[in-house]
Amino acid sequence: MITFEQVREIILAFPGTEETMSWDSRSFKVNKKVILYWNSQYDCPVFKVPFEERDFLLEVDPETFYTTDHHRPWPLILGRPDKLDIDWIKTNIERVWRAQVSKTLLKSYDAESKGR
């Protein structure tokens, strides 16, 4: 079972991230762009994914991933905390973070990561 605290710890480990509130939900941003929402109504994470990936996940793993009429127009997918894979979460968060973080911070992060 994935918890908000686990997701929070993963996201805040990336440089430049911050915890905020968006549309009455806890969320995380980098470079003023949302990385992930925690939907308070469904008590689950809402991930940013391309539409094609969302449609694929809904087809191949409907027990883990779902959408709602509200979320359907956006490149977002909801995940059931009791079914989500921690490695998938980490990969998704890093991919979204990399797409949204400043190039300077990304370059610094990659240089530091190589040294580990």
PDB file of N, CA and C in Angstrom:
ATOM      1  N   MET A   1       0.848  -1.184   0.000  1.00  0.00           N
ATOM      2  CA  MET A   1       0.000   0.000   0.000  1.00  0.00           C
ATOM      3  C   MET A   1       0.892   1.245   0.000  1.00  0.00           C
ATOM      4  N   ILE A   2       0.755   2.047  -1.011  1.00  0.00           N
ATOM      5  CA  ILE A   2       1.512   3.289  -1.125  1.00  0.00           C
ATOM      6  C   ILE A   2       0.787   4.376  -0.335  1.00  0.00           C
ATOM      7  N   THR A   3       1.521   5.134   0.428  1.00  0.00           N
ATOM      8  CA  THR A   3       0.924   6.212   1.213  1.00  0.00           C
ATOM      9  C   THR A   3       1.348   7.574   0.666  1.00  0.00           C
ATOM     10  N   PHE A   4       0.609   8.581   1.065  1.00  0.00           N
ATOM     11  CA  PHE A   4       0.974   9.943   0.691  1.00  0.00           C
ATOM     12  C   PHE A   4       2.387  10.253   1.164  1.00  0.00           C
ATOM     13  N   GLU A   5       2.727   9.832   2.363  1.00  0.00           N
ATOM     14  CA  GLU A   5       4.056  10.123   2.917  1.00  0.00           C
ATOM     15  C   GLU A   5       5.166   9.497   2.082  1.00  0.00           C
ATOM     16  N   GLN A   6       4.952   8.292   1.572  1.00  0.00           N
ATOM     17  CA  GLN A   6       5.962   7.660   0.719  1.00  0.00           C
ATOM     18  C   GLN A   6       6.147   8.447  -0.575  1.00  0.00           C
ATOM     19  N   VAL A   7       5.041   8.838  -1.185  1.00  0.00           N
ATOM     20  CA  VAL A   7       5.098   9.619  -2.421  1.00  0.00           C
ATOM     21  C   VAL A   7       5.775  10.958  -2.144  1.00  0.00           C
ATOM     22  N   ARG A   8       5.421  11.565  -1.047  1.00  0.00           N
ATOM     23  CA  ARG A   8       6.012  12.847  -0.649  1.00  0.00           C
ATOM     24  C   ARG A   8       7.532  12.727  -0.520  1.00  0.00           C
ATOM     25  N   GLU A   9       7.988  11.675   0.131  1.00  0.00           N
ATOM     26  CA  GLU A   9       9.425  11.458   0.326  1.00  0.00           C
ATOM     27  C   GLU A   9      10.149  11.285  -1.015  1.00  0.00           C
ATOM     28  N   ILE A  10       9.553  10.546  -1.937  1.00  0.00           N
ATOM     29  CA  ILE A  10      10.150  10.338  -3.262  1.00  0.00           C
ATOM     30  C   ILE A  10      10.289  11.670  -3.989  1.00  0.00           C
ATOM     31  N   ILE A  11       9.213  12.432  -4.024  1.00  0.00           N
ATOM     32  CA  ILE A  11       9.218  13.686  -4.788  1.00  0.00           C
ATOM     33  C   ILE A  11      10.167  14.712  -4.184  1.00  0.00           C
ATOM     34  N   LEU A  12      10.099  14.902  -2.880  1.00  0.00           N
ATOM     35  CA  LEU A  12      10.911  15.945  -2.256  1.00  0.00           C
ATOM     36  C   LEU A  12      12.404  15.622  -2.263  1.00  0.00           C
ATOM     37  N   ALA A  13      12.769  14.402  -2.642  1.00  0.00           N
ATOM     38  CA  ALA A  13      14.185  14.056  -2.796  1.00  0.00           C
ATOM     39  C   ALA A  13      14.778  14.687  -4.055  1.00  0.00           C
ATOM     40  N   PHE A  14      13.919  15.104  -4.977  1.00  0.00           N
ATOM     41  CA  PHE A  14      14.399  15.751  -6.199  1.00  0.00           C
ATOM     42  C   PHE A  14      14.595  17.241  -5.941  1.00  0.00           C
ATOM     43  N   PRO A  15      15.712  17.795  -6.381  1.00  0.00           N
ATOM     44  CA  PRO A  15      16.001  19.215  -6.156  1.00  0.00           C
ATOM     45  C   PRO A  15      14.944  20.131  -6.772  1.00  0.00           C
ATOM     46  N   GLY A  16      14.650  21.196  -6.049  1.00  0.00           N
ATOM     47  CA  GLY A  16      13.752  22.224  -6.567  1.00  0.00           C
ATOM     48  C   GLY A  16      12.280  21.928  -6.407  1.00  0.00           C
ATOM     49  N   THR A  17      11.943  20.790  -5.788  1.00  0.00           N
ATOM     50  CA  THR A  17      10.529  20.449  -5.624  1.00  0.00           C
ATOM     51  C   THR A  17       9.974  21.097  -4.364  1.00  0.00           C
ATOM     52  N   GLU A  18       8.678  21.334  -4.387  1.00  0.00           N
ATOM     53  CA  GLU A  18       8.009  21.920  -3.226  1.00  0.00           C
ATOM     54  C   GLU A  18       6.615  21.333  -3.085  1.00  0.00           C
ATOM     55  N   GLU A  19       6.150  21.285  -1.853  1.00  0.00           N
ATOM     56  CA  GLU A  19       4.798  20.814  -1.569  1.00  0.00           C
ATOM     57  C   GLU A  19       3.871  22.021  -1.547  1.00  0.00           C
ATOM     58  N   THR A  20       2.731  21.905  -2.216  1.00  0.00           N
ATOM     59  CA  THR A  20       1.782  23.009  -2.307  1.00  0.00           C
ATOM     60  C   THR A  20       0.358  22.474  -2.218  1.00  0.00           C
ATOM     61  N   MET A  21      -0.588  23.371  -2.369  1.00  0.00           N
ATOM     62  CA  MET A  21      -2.001  23.004  -2.486  1.00  0.00           C
ATOM     63  C   MET A  21      -2.492  23.482  -3.847  1.00  0.00           C
ATOM     64  N   SER A  22      -3.220  22.626  -4.537  1.00  0.00           N
ATOM     65  CA  SER A  22      -3.818  22.978  -5.824  1.00  0.00           C
ATOM     66  C   SER A  22      -5.218  22.382  -5.874  1.00  0.00           C
ATOM     67  N   TRP A  23      -6.203  23.221  -6.092  1.00  0.00           N
ATOM     68  CA  TRP A  23      -7.597  22.782  -6.179  1.00  0.00           C
ATOM     69  C   TRP A  23      -7.987  21.937  -4.966  1.00  0.00           C
ATOM     70  N   ASP A  24      -7.679  22.432  -3.790  1.00  0.00           N
ATOM     71  CA  ASP A  24      -8.000  21.767  -2.525  1.00  0.00           C
ATOM     72  C   ASP A  24      -7.339  20.398  -2.365  1.00  0.00           C
ATOM     73  N   SER A  25      -6.281  20.144  -3.103  1.00  0.00           N
ATOM     74  CA  SER A  25      -5.549  18.884  -2.984  1.00  0.00           C
ATOM     75  C   SER A  25      -4.074  19.174  -2.744  1.00  0.00           C
ATOM     76  N   ARG A  26      -3.448  18.306  -1.973  1.00  0.00           N
ATOM     77  CA  ARG A  26      -2.006  18.428  -1.788  1.00  0.00           C
ATOM     78  C   ARG A  26      -1.339  18.104  -3.121  1.00  0.00           C
ATOM     79  N   SER A  27      -0.317  18.854  -3.430  1.00  0.00           N
ATOM     80  CA  SER A  27       0.372  18.636  -4.699  1.00  0.00           C
ATOM     81  C   SER A  27       1.842  18.985  -4.547  1.00  0.00           C
ATOM     82  N   PHE A  28       2.590  18.647  -5.578  1.00  0.00           N
ATOM     83  CA  PHE A  28       4.026  18.904  -5.588  1.00  0.00           C
ATOM     84  C   PHE A  28       4.383  19.560  -6.904  1.00  0.00           C
ATOM     85  N   LYS A  29       5.267  20.554  -6.826  1.00  0.00           N
ATOM     86  CA  LYS A  29       5.648  21.303  -8.016  1.00  0.00           C
ATOM     87  C   LYS A  29       7.164  21.394  -8.127  1.00  0.00           C
ATOM     88  N   VAL A  30       7.601  21.618  -9.356  1.00  0.00           N
ATOM     89  CA  VAL A  30       8.967  22.023  -9.643  1.00  0.00           C
ATOM     90  C   VAL A  30       8.864  23.064 -10.740  1.00  0.00           C
ATOM     91  N   ASN A  31       9.605  24.144 -10.585  1.00  0.00           N
ATOM     92  CA  ASN A  31       9.597  25.200 -11.589  1.00  0.00           C
ATOM     93  C   ASN A  31       8.175  25.738 -11.824  1.00  0.00           C
ATOM     94  N   LYS A  32       7.398  25.798 -10.745  1.00  0.00           N
ATOM     95  CA  LYS A  32       6.019  26.298 -10.747  1.00  0.00           C
ATOM     96  C   LYS A  32       5.044  25.425 -11.531  1.00  0.00           C
ATOM     97  N   LYS A  33       5.442  24.188 -11.845  1.00  0.00           N
ATOM     98  CA  LYS A  33       4.584  23.256 -12.579  1.00  0.00           C
ATOM     99  C   LYS A  33       4.334  22.032 -11.710  1.00  0.00           C
ATOM    100  N   VAL A  34       3.092  21.568 -11.712  1.00  0.00           N
ATOM    101  CA  VAL A  34       2.726  20.430 -10.875  1.00  0.00           C
ATOM    102  C   VAL A  34       3.362  19.145 -11.399  1.00  0.00           C
ATOM    103  N   ILE A  35       3.922  18.379 -10.476  1.00  0.00           N
ATOM    104  CA  ILE A  35       4.464  17.054 -10.780  1.00  0.00           C
ATOM    105  C   ILE A  35       3.390  16.002 -10.519  1.00  0.00           C
ATOM    106  N   LEU A  36       2.686  16.147  -9.393  1.00  0.00           N
ATOM    107  CA  LEU A  36       1.716  15.148  -8.955  1.00  0.00           C
ATOM    108  C   LEU A  36       0.725  15.796  -7.997  1.00  0.00           C
ATOM    109  N   TYR A  37      -0.512  15.341  -8.071  1.00  0.00           N
ATOM    110  CA  TYR A  37      -1.556  15.729  -7.114  1.00  0.00           C
ATOM    111  C   TYR A  37      -1.862  14.520  -6.248  1.00  0.00           C
ATOM    112  N   TRP A  38      -2.305  14.787  -5.020  1.00  0.00           N
ATOM    113  CA  TRP A  38      -2.897  13.717  -4.213  1.00  0.00           C
ATOM    114  C   TRP A  38      -4.366  14.085  -4.096  1.00  0.00           C
ATOM    115  N   ASN A  39      -5.222  13.338  -4.788  1.00  0.00           N
ATOM    116  CA  ASN A  39      -6.639  13.654  -4.859  1.00  0.00           C
ATOM    117  C   ASN A  39      -7.302  13.351  -3.522  1.00  0.00           C
ATOM    118  N   SER A  40      -7.797  14.380  -2.856  1.00  0.00           N
ATOM    119  CA  SER A  40      -8.391  14.202  -1.530  1.00  0.00           C
ATOM    120  C   SER A  40      -9.732  13.478  -1.596  1.00  0.00           C
ATOM    121  N   GLN A  41     -10.460  13.639  -2.679  1.00  0.00           N
ATOM    122  CA  GLN A  41     -11.760  12.974  -2.810  1.00  0.00           C
ATOM    123  C   GLN A  41     -11.605  11.455  -2.900  1.00  0.00           C
ATOM    124  N   TYR A  42     -10.620  10.999  -3.659  1.00  0.00           N
ATOM    125  CA  TYR A  42     -10.407   9.561  -3.860  1.00  0.00           C
ATOM    126  C   TYR A  42      -9.253   9.016  -3.015  1.00  0.00           C
ATOM    127  N   ASP A  43      -8.553   9.890  -2.296  1.00  0.00           N
ATOM    128  CA  ASP A  43      -7.396   9.539  -1.479  1.00  0.00           C
ATOM    129  C   ASP A  43      -6.388   8.701  -2.270  1.00  0.00           C
ATOM    130  N   CYS A  44      -5.966   9.288  -3.397  1.00  0.00           N
ATOM    131  CA  CYS A  44      -5.027   8.582  -4.264  1.00  0.00           C
ATOM    132  C   CYS A  44      -4.178   9.577  -5.043  1.00  0.00           C
ATOM    133  N   PRO A  45      -3.036   9.108  -5.553  1.00  0.00           N
ATOM    134  CA  PRO A  45      -2.205   9.980  -6.376  1.00  0.00           C
ATOM    135  C   PRO A  45      -2.775  10.122  -7.783  1.00  0.00           C
ATOM    136  N   VAL A  46      -2.558  11.299  -8.352  1.00  0.00           N
ATOM    137  CA  VAL A  46      -2.931  11.573  -9.737  1.00  0.00           C
ATOM    138  C   VAL A  46      -1.631  11.888 -10.468  1.00  0.00           C
ATOM    139  N   PHE A  47      -1.284  11.024 -11.407  1.00  0.00           N
ATOM    140  CA  PHE A  47      -0.014  11.116 -12.120  1.00  0.00           C
ATOM    141  C   PHE A  47      -0.181  11.794 -13.468  1.00  0.00           C
ATOM    142  N   LYS A  48       0.843  12.520 -13.873  1.00  0.00           N
ATOM    143  CA  LYS A  48       0.889  13.085 -15.221  1.00  0.00           C
ATOM    144  C   LYS A  48       1.466  12.021 -16.151  1.00  0.00           C
ATOM    145  N   VAL A  49       0.733  11.721 -17.207  1.00  0.00           N
ATOM    146  CA  VAL A  49       1.196  10.772 -18.227  1.00  0.00           C
ATOM    147  C   VAL A  49       0.685  11.242 -19.582  1.00  0.00           C
ATOM    148  N   PRO A  50       1.388  10.928 -20.653  1.00  0.00           N
ATOM    149  CA  PRO A  50       0.854  11.249 -21.977  1.00  0.00           C
ATOM    150  C   PRO A  50      -0.460  10.488 -22.204  1.00  0.00           C
ATOM    151  N   PHE A  51      -1.333  11.042 -23.019  1.00  0.00           N
ATOM    152  CA  PHE A  51      -2.623  10.402 -23.286  1.00  0.00           C
ATOM    153  C   PHE A  51      -2.454   8.954 -23.746  1.00  0.00           C
ATOM    154  N   GLU A  52      -1.487   8.702 -24.626  1.00  0.00           N
ATOM    155  CA  GLU A  52      -1.282   7.351 -25.159  1.00  0.00           C
ATOM    156  C   GLU A  52      -0.925   6.375 -24.040  1.00  0.00           C
ATOM    157  N   GLU A  53      -0.073   6.811 -23.138  1.00  0.00           N
ATOM    158  CA  GLU A  53       0.300   5.954 -22.015  1.00  0.00           C
ATOM    159  C   GLU A  53      -0.889   5.743 -21.088  1.00  0.00           C
ATOM    160  N   ARG A  54      -1.642   6.790 -20.850  1.00  0.00           N
ATOM    161  CA  ARG A  54      -2.825   6.659 -19.995  1.00  0.00           C
ATOM    162  C   ARG A  54      -3.776   5.617 -20.570  1.00  0.00           C
ATOM    163  N   ASP A  55      -4.068   5.732 -21.863  1.00  0.00           N
ATOM    164  CA  ASP A  55      -4.996   4.793 -22.489  1.00  0.00           C
ATOM    165  C   ASP A  55      -4.471   3.364 -22.416  1.00  0.00           C
ATOM    166  N   PHE A  56      -3.162   3.203 -22.607  1.00  0.00           N
ATOM    167  CA  PHE A  56      -2.544   1.883 -22.511  1.00  0.00           C
ATOM    168  C   PHE A  56      -2.689   1.320 -21.094  1.00  0.00           C
ATOM    169  N   LEU A  57      -2.363   2.124 -20.086  1.00  0.00           N
ATOM    170  CA  LEU A  57      -2.454   1.662 -18.695  1.00  0.00           C
ATOM    171  C   LEU A  57      -3.883   1.306 -18.312  1.00  0.00           C
ATOM    172  N   LEU A  58      -4.837   2.096 -18.774  1.00  0.00           N
ATOM    173  CA  LEU A  58      -6.240   1.804 -18.481  1.00  0.00           C
ATOM    174  C   LEU A  58      -6.664   0.474 -19.097  1.00  0.00           C
ATOM    175  N   GLU A  59      -6.104   0.165 -20.254  1.00  0.00           N
ATOM    176  CA  GLU A  59      -6.449  -1.078 -20.945  1.00  0.00           C
ATOM    177  C   GLU A  59      -5.776  -2.294 -20.317  1.00  0.00           C
ATOM    178  N   VAL A  60      -4.478  -2.187 -20.019  1.00  0.00           N
ATOM    179  CA  VAL A  60      -3.740  -3.364 -19.546  1.00  0.00           C
ATOM    180  C   VAL A  60      -3.773  -3.561 -18.029  1.00  0.00           C
ATOM    181  N   ASP A  61      -4.066  -2.514 -17.271  1.00  0.00           N
ATOM    182  CA  ASP A  61      -4.043  -2.646 -15.806  1.00  0.00           C
ATOM    183  C   ASP A  61      -5.150  -1.821 -15.143  1.00  0.00           C
ATOM    184  N   PRO A  62      -6.416  -2.139 -15.450  1.00  0.00           N
ATOM    185  CA  PRO A  62      -7.521  -1.369 -14.873  1.00  0.00           C
ATOM    186  C   PRO A  62      -7.702  -1.575 -13.369  1.00  0.00           C
ATOM    187  N   GLU A  63      -7.063  -2.608 -12.812  1.00  0.00           N
ATOM    188  CA  GLU A  63      -7.147  -2.804 -11.364  1.00  0.00           C
ATOM    189  C   GLU A  63      -6.282  -1.792 -10.620  1.00  0.00           C
ATOM    190  N   THR A  64      -5.249  -1.288 -11.290  1.00  0.00           N
ATOM    191  CA  THR A  64      -4.336  -0.331 -10.670  1.00  0.00           C
ATOM    192  C   THR A  64      -4.662   1.103 -11.053  1.00  0.00           C
ATOM    193  N   PHE A  65      -4.953   1.323 -12.331  1.00  0.00           N
ATOM    194  CA  PHE A  65      -5.131   2.679 -12.854  1.00  0.00           C
ATOM    195  C   PHE A  65      -6.562   2.926 -13.302  1.00  0.00           C
ATOM    196  N   TYR A  66      -7.006   4.163 -13.112  1.00  0.00           N
ATOM    197  CA  TYR A  66      -8.345   4.543 -13.561  1.00  0.00           C
ATOM    198  C   TYR A  66      -8.390   6.038 -13.812  1.00  0.00           C
ATOM    199  N   THR A  67      -9.497   6.466 -14.371  1.00  0.00           N
ATOM    200  CA  THR A  67      -9.715   7.889 -14.581  1.00  0.00           C
ATOM    201  C   THR A  67     -11.150   8.208 -14.179  1.00  0.00           C
ATOM    202  N   THR A  68     -11.482   9.463 -14.199  1.00  0.00           N
ATOM    203  CA  THR A  68     -12.839   9.913 -13.897  1.00  0.00           C
ATOM    204  C   THR A  68     -13.267  10.850 -15.018  1.00  0.00           C
ATOM    205  N   ASP A  69     -14.535  11.159 -15.072  1.00  0.00           N
ATOM    206  CA  ASP A  69     -15.005  12.111 -16.087  1.00  0.00           C
ATOM    207  C   ASP A  69     -14.286  13.448 -15.946  1.00  0.00           C
ATOM    208  N   HIS A  70     -14.013  13.838 -14.717  1.00  0.00           N
ATOM    209  CA  HIS A  70     -13.318  15.106 -14.472  1.00  0.00           C
ATOM    210  C   HIS A  70     -11.887  15.084 -15.022  1.00  0.00           C
ATOM    211  N   HIS A  71     -11.191  13.977 -14.842  1.00  0.00           N
ATOM    212  CA  HIS A  71      -9.783  13.878 -15.233  1.00  0.00           C
ATOM    213  C   HIS A  71      -9.577  13.485 -16.698  1.00  0.00           C
ATOM    214  N   ARG A  72     -10.596  12.906 -17.320  1.00  0.00           N
ATOM    215  CA  ARG A  72     -10.460  12.360 -18.674  1.00  0.00           C
ATOM    216  C   ARG A  72      -9.917  13.353 -19.713  1.00  0.00           C
ATOM    217  N   PRO A  73     -10.293  14.635 -19.690  1.00  0.00           N
ATOM    218  CA  PRO A  73      -9.780  15.559 -20.717  1.00  0.00           C
ATOM    219  C   PRO A  73      -8.294  15.906 -20.563  1.00  0.00           C
ATOM    220  N   TRP A  74      -7.681  15.499 -19.481  1.00  0.00           N
ATOM    221  CA  TRP A  74      -6.301  15.892 -19.186  1.00  0.00           C
ATOM    222  C   TRP A  74      -5.365  14.690 -19.267  1.00  0.00           C
ATOM    223  N   PRO A  75      -4.077  14.916 -19.493  1.00  0.00           N
ATOM    224  CA  PRO A  75      -3.116  13.805 -19.523  1.00  0.00           C
ATOM    225  C   PRO A  75      -2.747  13.372 -18.098  1.00  0.00           C
ATOM    226  N   LEU A  76      -3.741  12.819 -17.412  1.00  0.00           N
ATOM    227  CA  LEU A  76      -3.610  12.418 -16.013  1.00  0.00           C
ATOM    228  C   LEU A  76      -4.198  11.028 -15.827  1.00  0.00           C
ATOM    229  N   ILE A  77      -3.692  10.313 -14.832  1.00  0.00           N
ATOM    230  CA  ILE A  77      -4.258   9.021 -14.480  1.00  0.00           C
ATOM    231  C   ILE A  77      -4.211   8.868 -12.963  1.00  0.00           C
ATOM    232  N   LEU A  78      -5.255   8.303 -12.403  1.00  0.00           N
ATOM    233  CA  LEU A  78      -5.316   8.049 -10.968  1.00  0.00           C
ATOM    234  C   LEU A  78      -4.831   6.633 -10.703  1.00  0.00           C
ATOM    235  N   GLY A  79      -4.177   6.442  -9.555  1.00  0.00           N
ATOM    236  CA  GLY A  79      -3.679   5.119  -9.193  1.00  0.00           C
ATOM    237  C   GLY A  79      -4.237   4.676  -7.856  1.00  0.00           C
ATOM    238  N   ARG A  80      -4.611   3.398  -7.777  1.00  0.00           N
ATOM    239  CA  ARG A  80      -5.101   2.846  -6.514  1.00  0.00           C
ATOM    240  C   ARG A  80      -3.900   2.547  -5.613  1.00  0.00           C
ATOM    241  N   PRO A  81      -3.821   3.214  -4.454  1.00  0.00           N
ATOM    242  CA  PRO A  81      -2.644   3.070  -3.586  1.00  0.00           C
ATOM    243  C   PRO A  81      -2.320   1.632  -3.193  1.00  0.00           C
ATOM    244  N   ASP A  82      -3.327   0.785  -3.078  1.00  0.00           N
ATOM    245  CA  ASP A  82      -3.077  -0.598  -2.676  1.00  0.00           C
ATOM    246  C   ASP A  82      -2.576  -1.472  -3.825  1.00  0.00           C
ATOM    247  N   LYS A  83      -2.541  -0.936  -5.037  1.00  0.00           N
ATOM    248  CA  LYS A  83      -2.111  -1.709  -6.208  1.00  0.00           C
ATOM    249  C   LYS A  83      -0.852  -1.160  -6.876  1.00  0.00           C
ATOM    250  N   LEU A  84      -0.491   0.076  -6.595  1.00  0.00           N
ATOM    251  CA  LEU A  84       0.613   0.735  -7.300  1.00  0.00           C
ATOM    252  C   LEU A  84       1.969   0.110  -6.985  1.00  0.00           C
ATOM    253  N   ASP A  85       2.819   0.072  -7.992  1.00  0.00           N
ATOM    254  CA  ASP A  85       4.183  -0.419  -7.868  1.00  0.00           C
ATOM    255  C   ASP A  85       5.109   0.763  -7.575  1.00  0.00           C
ATOM    256  N   ILE A  86       5.912   0.646  -6.543  1.00  0.00           N
ATOM    257  CA  ILE A  86       6.780   1.746  -6.128  1.00  0.00           C
ATOM    258  C   ILE A  86       7.780   2.120  -7.222  1.00  0.00           C
ATOM    259  N   ASP A  87       8.274   1.146  -7.968  1.00  0.00           N
ATOM    260  CA  ASP A  87       9.227   1.455  -9.043  1.00  0.00           C
ATOM    261  C   ASP A  87       8.557   2.242 -10.167  1.00  0.00           C
ATOM    262  N   TRP A  88       7.306   1.906 -10.485  1.00  0.00           N
ATOM    263  CA  TRP A  88       6.575   2.668 -11.509  1.00  0.00           C
ATOM    264  C   TRP A  88       6.399   4.113 -11.034  1.00  0.00           C
ATOM    265  N   ILE A  89       6.058   4.291  -9.770  1.00  0.00           N
ATOM    266  CA  ILE A  89       5.875   5.636  -9.215  1.00  0.00           C
ATOM    267  C   ILE A  89       7.173   6.434  -9.333  1.00  0.00           C
ATOM    268  N   LYS A  90       8.280   5.843  -8.909  1.00  0.00           N
ATOM    269  CA  LYS A  90       9.569   6.542  -8.970  1.00  0.00           C
ATOM    270  C   LYS A  90       9.927   6.930 -10.403  1.00  0.00           C
ATOM    271  N   THR A  91       9.709   6.023 -11.333  1.00  0.00           N
ATOM    272  CA  THR A  91      10.012   6.293 -12.741  1.00  0.00           C
ATOM    273  C   THR A  91       9.148   7.418 -13.278  1.00  0.00           C
ATOM    274  N   ASN A  92       7.855   7.378 -12.965  1.00  0.00           N
ATOM    275  CA  ASN A  92       6.949   8.429 -13.439  1.00  0.00           C
ATOM    276  C   ASN A  92       7.337   9.781 -12.861  1.00  0.00           C
ATOM    277  N   ILE A  93       7.590   9.828 -11.577  1.00  0.00           N
ATOM    278  CA  ILE A  93       7.932  11.097 -10.930  1.00  0.00           C
ATOM    279  C   ILE A  93       9.227  11.662 -11.513  1.00  0.00           C
ATOM    280  N   GLU A  94      10.230  10.820 -11.683  1.00  0.00           N
ATOM    281  CA  GLU A  94      11.488  11.322 -12.243  1.00  0.00           C
ATOM    282  C   GLU A  94      11.298  11.820 -13.672  1.00  0.00           C
ATOM    283  N   ARG A  95      10.530  11.109 -14.462  1.00  0.00           N
ATOM    284  CA  ARG A  95      10.292  11.533 -15.852  1.00  0.00           C
ATOM    285  C   ARG A  95       9.601  12.893 -15.899  1.00  0.00           C
ATOM    286  N   VAL A  96       8.578  13.074 -15.082  1.00  0.00           N
ATOM    287  CA  VAL A  96       7.853  14.352 -15.053  1.00  0.00           C
ATOM    288  C   VAL A  96       8.764  15.450 -14.512  1.00  0.00           C
ATOM    289  N   TRP A  97       9.503  15.149 -13.453  1.00  0.00           N
ATOM    290  CA  TRP A  97      10.431  16.132 -12.886  1.00  0.00           C
ATOM    291  C   TRP A  97      11.438  16.574 -13.937  1.00  0.00           C
ATOM    292  N   ARG A  98      12.039  15.640 -14.660  1.00  0.00           N
ATOM    293  CA  ARG A  98      13.033  15.961 -15.685  1.00  0.00           C
ATOM    294  C   ARG A  98      12.444  16.840 -16.786  1.00  0.00           C
ATOM    295  N   ALA A  99      11.199  16.614 -17.125  1.00  0.00           N
ATOM    296  CA  ALA A  99      10.555  17.392 -18.188  1.00  0.00           C
ATOM    297  C   ALA A  99      10.251  18.822 -17.746  1.00  0.00           C
ATOM    298  N   GLN A 100      10.151  19.047 -16.432  1.00  0.00           N
ATOM    299  CA  GLN A 100       9.692  20.340 -15.934  1.00  0.00           C
ATOM    300  C   GLN A 100      10.752  21.161 -15.204  1.00  0.00           C
ATOM    301  N   VAL A 101      11.800  20.525 -14.735  1.00  0.00           N
ATOM    302  CA  VAL A 101      12.827  21.239 -13.978  1.00  0.00           C
ATOM    303  C   VAL A 101      13.644  22.125 -14.926  1.00  0.00           C
ATOM    304  N   SER A 102      14.263  23.148 -14.377  1.00  0.00           N
ATOM    305  CA  SER A 102      15.109  24.012 -15.205  1.00  0.00           C
ATOM    306  C   SER A 102      16.308  23.214 -15.726  1.00  0.00           C
ATOM    307  N   LYS A 103      16.784  23.590 -16.885  1.00  0.00           N
ATOM    308  CA  LYS A 103      17.930  22.900 -17.496  1.00  0.00           C
ATOM    309  C   LYS A 103      19.174  22.988 -16.609  1.00  0.00           C
ATOM    310  N   THR A 104      19.349  24.112 -15.942  1.00  0.00           N
ATOM    311  CA  THR A 104      20.501  24.294 -15.060  1.00  0.00           C
ATOM    312  C   THR A 104      20.461  23.305 -13.902  1.00  0.00           C
ATOM    313  N   LEU A 105      19.300  23.194 -13.263  1.00  0.00           N
ATOM    314  CA  LEU A 105      19.158  22.279 -12.135  1.00  0.00           C
ATOM    315  C   LEU A 105      19.277  20.828 -12.593  1.00  0.00           C
ATOM    316  N   LEU A 106      18.734  20.513 -13.758  1.00  0.00           N
ATOM    317  CA  LEU A 106      18.832  19.157 -14.295  1.00  0.00           C
ATOM    318  C   LEU A 106      20.293  18.784 -14.562  1.00  0.00           C
ATOM    319  N   LYS A 107      21.023  19.697 -15.157  1.00  0.00           N
ATOM    320  CA  LYS A 107      22.439  19.449 -15.458  1.00  0.00           C
ATOM    321  C   LYS A 107      23.222  19.213 -14.166  1.00  0.00           C
ATOM    322  N   SER A 108      22.964  20.026 -13.163  1.00  0.00           N
ATOM    323  CA  SER A 108      23.630  19.887 -11.871  1.00  0.00           C
ATOM    324  C   SER A 108      23.280  18.544 -11.222  1.00  0.00           C
ATOM    325  N   TYR A 109      22.008  18.172 -11.272  1.00  0.00           N
ATOM    326  CA  TYR A 109      21.542  16.909 -10.696  1.00  0.00           C
ATOM    327  C   TYR A 109      22.217  15.725 -11.383  1.00  0.00           C
ATOM    328  N   ASP A 110      22.248  15.759 -12.715  1.00  0.00           N
ATOM    329  CA  ASP A 110      22.861  14.664 -13.461  1.00  0.00           C
ATOM    330  C   ASP A 110      24.353  14.555 -13.169  1.00  0.00           C
ATOM    331  N   ALA A 111      25.038  15.690 -13.063  1.00  0.00           N
ATOM    332  CA  ALA A 111      26.469  15.678 -12.755  1.00  0.00           C
ATOM    333  C   ALA A 111      26.710  15.094 -11.364  1.00  0.00           C
ATOM    334  N   GLU A 112      25.884  15.478 -10.416  1.00  0.00           N
ATOM    335  CA  GLU A 112      26.012  14.971  -9.050  1.00  0.00           C
ATOM    336  C   GLU A 112      25.689  13.480  -8.996  1.00  0.00           C
ATOM    337  N   SER A 113      24.676  13.055  -9.742  1.00  0.00           N
ATOM    338  CA  SER A 113      24.276  11.647  -9.759  1.00  0.00           C
ATOM    339  C   SER A 113      25.363  10.760 -10.352  1.00  0.00           C
ATOM    340  N   LYS A 114      26.079  11.266 -11.343  1.00  0.00           N
ATOM    341  CA  LYS A 114      27.171  10.497 -11.953  1.00  0.00           C
ATOM    342  C   LYS A 114      28.277  10.224 -10.946  1.00  0.00           C
ATOM    343  N   GLY A 115      28.470  11.145 -10.026  1.00  0.00           N
ATOM    344  CA  GLY A 115      29.521  11.018  -9.034  1.00  0.00           C
ATOM    345  C   GLY A 115      29.208  10.026  -7.931  1.00  0.00           C
ATOM    346  N   ARG A 116      27.997   9.538  -7.883  1.00  0.00           N
ATOM    347  CA  ARG A 116      27.603   8.602  -6.806  1.00  0.00           C
ATOM    348  C   ARG A 116      27.999   7.189  -7.121  1.00  0.00           C
TER     349      ARG A 116
END
